[in-house]
Amino acid sequence: MKSKPKKPNRRPRKTTRQSQRPKGFAAKNRVRHKPERKQSRLKRQVVPRTLKQFFSMPQSAQDLWNLVVQVPARMRSESASLRKVARELGLTSKQVLRLGRPAFRKLRNGRYSPRAADRLLRILVLPSDKGLVEVAVNDSRQATVIGEYWNAVHRYLSRGDAAELEKFRRKRVRTASGKRISLLTDLDELGRQASAGVLRFESLYGRTA
């Protein structure tokens, strides 16, 4: 008589806490660790609209903004590319577009071209009967007038040629607040301030102090 084969001894499975949980419990209650979003300084950068907003920014942000607003103007005057001008100013195209995007239009080939005029805020230096003052303009055409005026001032101070300066005798520039400011064309006053070193500054943009 044949003996029946012995059945292997099966040990009972140990139930763990995890196996006792209902299906979907782990997926539902799993703690998801979302990666922290690193916001760059550029993303947090406030685009200034007024003189007060500009001076409320940190000095580093003011310096960055003053560089960015120079890009579209130089692209127009030099017929240069965004990448070239940005690199010469120590910036990247990404920085310029992130802060000054309204001043550019994207072409079909993917490149960017400066608009004929833009409304970016510019803080520019002007001579007055009380010395240098900072003026906020939000029209690139007004900024161009101020730049041409300074060229005429430098021409007079360096060569004694006041012909170009005469063109600005009755000209005014409109500020961001809508106020119209006359340009200083008094030759004696300009000469006096130049002799006193008042008209010495490194850039048309930025602080007088």
Protein backbone atom coordinates (compact mmCIF):
# COMPACT_ATOMS: atom_id res chain seq x y z
CA MET A 1 0.00 0.00 0.00
CA LYS A 2 1.42 3.34 -1.12
CA SER A 3 1.83 6.01 1.51
CA LYS A 4 0.45 9.46 0.79
CA PRO A 5 3.06 12.17 0.16
CA LYS A 6 3.50 14.50 3.07
CA LYS A 7 2.33 18.06 2.57
CA PRO A 8 4.96 20.71 3.23
CA ASN A 9 4.48 22.64 6.40
CA ARG A 10 3.34 26.14 5.55
CA ARG A 11 4.05 28.69 8.19
CA PRO A 12 1.37 31.31 8.62
CA ARG A 13 2.27 34.67 7.07
CA LYS A 14 3.09 37.32 9.55
CA THR A 15 0.76 40.21 9.21
CA THR A 16 2.43 43.57 9.37
CA ARG A 17 0.97 46.96 9.95
CA GLN A 18 1.44 47.82 6.31
CA SER A 19 -0.38 44.70 5.10
CA GLN A 20 -3.31 45.39 7.43
CA ARG A 21 -3.88 48.83 5.94
CA PRO A 22 -6.65 49.12 3.37
CA LYS A 23 -5.70 49.39 -0.30
CA GLY A 24 -4.87 52.87 -1.40
CA PHE A 25 -4.00 53.97 2.12
CA ALA A 26 -0.28 54.43 1.40
CA ALA A 27 -0.84 56.32 -1.83
CA LYS A 28 -3.46 58.54 -0.23
CA ASN A 29 -1.51 59.32 2.90
CA ARG A 30 1.98 59.44 1.45
CA VAL A 31 3.74 62.67 2.30
CA ARG A 32 4.76 64.35 -0.88
CA HIS A 33 7.84 66.49 -0.68
CA LYS A 34 7.57 69.15 -3.31
CA PRO A 35 10.88 70.59 -4.44
CA GLU A 36 11.40 74.09 -3.22
CA ARG A 37 11.06 76.63 -5.95
CA LYS A 38 14.12 78.72 -6.13
CA GLN A 39 13.07 82.18 -7.13
CA SER A 40 15.91 84.03 -8.71
CA ARG A 41 16.57 87.65 -7.93
CA LEU A 42 15.39 88.53 -11.40
CA LYS A 43 11.97 86.98 -10.82
CA ARG A 44 11.59 88.96 -7.63
CA GLN A 45 12.81 92.13 -9.31
CA VAL A 46 10.16 94.85 -9.33
CA VAL A 47 9.88 96.81 -12.54
CA PRO A 48 9.84 100.47 -11.39
CA ARG A 49 7.21 102.84 -12.73
CA THR A 50 8.06 105.96 -10.76
CA LEU A 51 11.11 107.70 -9.32
CA LYS A 52 9.99 106.71 -5.82
CA GLN A 53 9.73 103.04 -6.75
CA PHE A 54 13.17 103.14 -8.34
CA PHE A 55 14.87 104.53 -5.24
CA SER A 56 13.02 102.09 -2.98
CA MET A 57 14.89 99.23 -4.67
CA PRO A 58 18.27 97.96 -3.41
CA GLN A 59 21.31 99.60 -4.99
CA SER A 60 22.17 96.39 -6.87
CA ALA A 61 18.68 96.30 -8.39
CA GLN A 62 18.98 99.96 -9.41
CA ASP A 63 22.31 99.28 -11.11
CA LEU A 64 20.84 96.29 -12.94
CA TRP A 65 17.84 98.28 -14.12
CA ASN A 66 20.02 101.12 -15.37
CA LEU A 67 21.92 98.63 -17.52
CA VAL A 68 18.80 96.92 -18.86
CA VAL A 69 17.20 100.15 -20.12
CA GLN A 70 20.34 100.99 -22.07
CA VAL A 71 20.02 97.89 -24.22
CA PRO A 72 17.12 98.89 -26.53
CA ALA A 73 18.59 102.37 -27.04
CA ARG A 74 21.98 100.99 -28.06
CA MET A 75 20.39 98.40 -30.31
CA ARG A 76 18.59 101.20 -32.16
CA SER A 77 21.59 103.51 -32.47
CA GLU A 78 24.16 100.82 -33.29
CA SER A 79 21.90 98.43 -35.23
CA ALA A 80 23.32 95.72 -32.99
CA SER A 81 21.78 92.47 -31.76
CA LEU A 82 20.31 91.94 -28.34
CA ARG A 83 22.91 89.34 -27.49
CA LYS A 84 25.84 91.57 -28.50
CA VAL A 85 24.69 94.66 -26.58
CA ALA A 86 23.70 92.65 -23.51
CA ARG A 87 27.10 90.95 -23.43
CA GLU A 88 28.94 94.27 -23.72
CA LEU A 89 26.99 95.55 -20.70
CA GLY A 90 27.70 92.41 -18.68
CA LEU A 91 24.15 91.06 -18.99
CA THR A 92 22.45 88.07 -20.55
CA SER A 93 19.62 88.22 -23.07
CA LYS A 94 17.44 86.43 -20.52
CA GLN A 95 17.99 89.16 -17.94
CA VAL A 96 17.15 91.90 -20.41
CA LEU A 97 13.97 90.24 -21.66
CA ARG A 98 12.76 89.36 -18.18
CA LEU A 99 12.88 92.98 -17.07
CA GLY A 100 12.54 94.95 -20.29
CA ARG A 101 10.36 92.67 -22.44
CA PRO A 102 7.86 95.44 -23.49
CA ALA A 103 10.69 97.28 -25.27
CA PHE A 104 11.19 94.41 -27.74
CA ARG A 105 9.27 92.51 -30.37
CA LYS A 106 9.99 88.96 -31.42
CA LEU A 107 10.69 88.41 -35.10
CA ARG A 108 9.71 85.35 -37.14
CA ASN A 109 13.27 84.06 -37.04
CA GLY A 110 13.12 83.98 -33.23
CA ARG A 111 15.33 87.00 -32.71
CA TYR A 112 14.34 90.15 -30.85
CA SER A 113 14.26 93.66 -32.24
CA PRO A 114 13.81 96.89 -30.27
CA ARG A 115 10.54 98.73 -30.76
CA ALA A 116 10.71 102.20 -32.31
CA ALA A 117 9.96 103.61 -28.85
CA ASP A 118 9.40 102.16 -25.41
CA ARG A 119 7.96 103.18 -22.04
CA LEU A 120 10.64 101.80 -19.73
CA LEU A 121 11.44 104.09 -16.82
CA ARG A 122 14.82 105.78 -17.08
CA ILE A 123 16.49 107.80 -14.35
CA LEU A 124 18.67 110.35 -16.11
CA VAL A 125 20.95 113.12 -14.90
CA LEU A 126 20.44 116.72 -15.99
CA PRO A 127 22.27 119.93 -15.10
CA SER A 128 20.23 122.69 -13.49
CA ASP A 129 20.99 126.05 -11.92
CA LYS A 130 21.36 124.13 -8.62
CA GLY A 131 23.69 121.46 -9.99
CA LEU A 132 22.95 117.97 -11.24
CA VAL A 133 19.46 116.60 -10.69
CA GLU A 134 17.93 113.21 -11.43
CA VAL A 135 14.90 113.11 -13.69
CA ALA A 136 12.58 110.16 -14.35
CA VAL A 137 11.29 109.75 -17.90
CA ASN A 138 9.15 106.90 -19.19
CA ASP A 139 9.44 107.63 -22.91
CA SER A 140 12.54 106.54 -24.82
CA ARG A 141 12.12 109.52 -27.15
CA GLN A 142 12.48 111.92 -24.24
CA ALA A 143 15.56 109.99 -23.13
CA THR A 144 16.99 110.43 -26.65
CA VAL A 145 16.49 114.20 -26.43
CA ILE A 146 18.37 114.26 -23.12
CA GLY A 147 21.19 112.19 -24.60
CA GLU A 148 21.51 114.55 -27.57
CA TYR A 149 21.45 117.52 -25.20
CA TRP A 150 24.36 116.09 -23.21
CA ASN A 151 26.32 115.58 -26.42
CA ALA A 152 25.81 119.27 -27.18
CA VAL A 153 26.93 120.25 -23.66
CA HIS A 154 30.10 118.17 -23.95
CA ARG A 155 30.80 119.65 -27.39
CA TYR A 156 30.56 123.16 -25.98
CA LEU A 157 32.70 122.42 -22.91
CA SER A 158 35.41 120.60 -24.87
CA ARG A 159 35.52 122.65 -28.07
CA GLY A 160 33.74 125.89 -27.25
CA ASP A 161 31.18 125.15 -29.99
CA ALA A 162 27.72 126.17 -28.79
CA ALA A 163 25.92 125.74 -32.13
CA GLU A 164 24.36 122.39 -31.18
CA LEU A 165 23.46 123.66 -27.73
CA GLU A 166 21.46 126.55 -29.21
CA LYS A 167 18.96 124.03 -30.59
CA PHE A 168 17.89 123.19 -27.04
CA ARG A 169 17.37 126.77 -25.86
CA ARG A 170 13.58 126.59 -25.84
CA LYS A 171 13.23 122.84 -25.65
CA ARG A 172 11.64 120.99 -22.76
CA VAL A 173 11.51 117.35 -21.76
CA ARG A 174 8.48 115.65 -20.25
CA THR A 175 9.06 113.62 -17.10
CA ALA A 176 7.24 110.44 -16.03
CA SER A 177 4.97 112.54 -13.81
CA GLY A 178 3.97 114.74 -16.76
CA LYS A 179 6.02 117.75 -15.69
CA ARG A 180 7.93 119.65 -18.37
CA ILE A 181 11.50 120.68 -17.57
CA SER A 182 13.56 123.25 -19.45
CA LEU A 183 17.10 122.29 -20.40
CA LEU A 184 19.92 124.46 -19.10
CA THR A 185 21.53 126.34 -21.98
CA ASP A 186 23.09 129.29 -20.14
CA LEU A 187 26.68 129.13 -21.35
CA ASP A 188 28.09 131.03 -18.38
CA GLU A 189 26.30 128.75 -15.88
CA LEU A 190 27.42 125.61 -17.68
CA GLY A 191 30.99 126.91 -17.76
CA ARG A 192 30.86 127.76 -14.05
CA GLN A 193 29.58 124.31 -13.08
CA ALA A 194 32.14 122.62 -15.31
CA SER A 195 34.96 124.59 -13.68
CA ALA A 196 33.66 123.61 -10.24
CA GLY A 197 33.62 119.94 -11.28
CA VAL A 198 29.85 119.67 -10.92
CA LEU A 199 29.33 118.30 -14.42
CA ARG A 200 31.73 115.41 -13.96
CA PHE A 201 29.97 112.07 -13.85
CA GLU A 202 30.58 108.62 -15.26
CA SER A 203 27.20 107.90 -16.81
CA LEU A 204 24.04 109.59 -18.00
CA TYR A 205 22.18 107.00 -15.91
CA GLY A 206 22.23 106.58 -12.16
CA ARG A 207 22.72 108.55 -9.05
CA THR A 208 24.30 112.00 -8.77
CA ALA A 209 25.40 111.23 -5.23
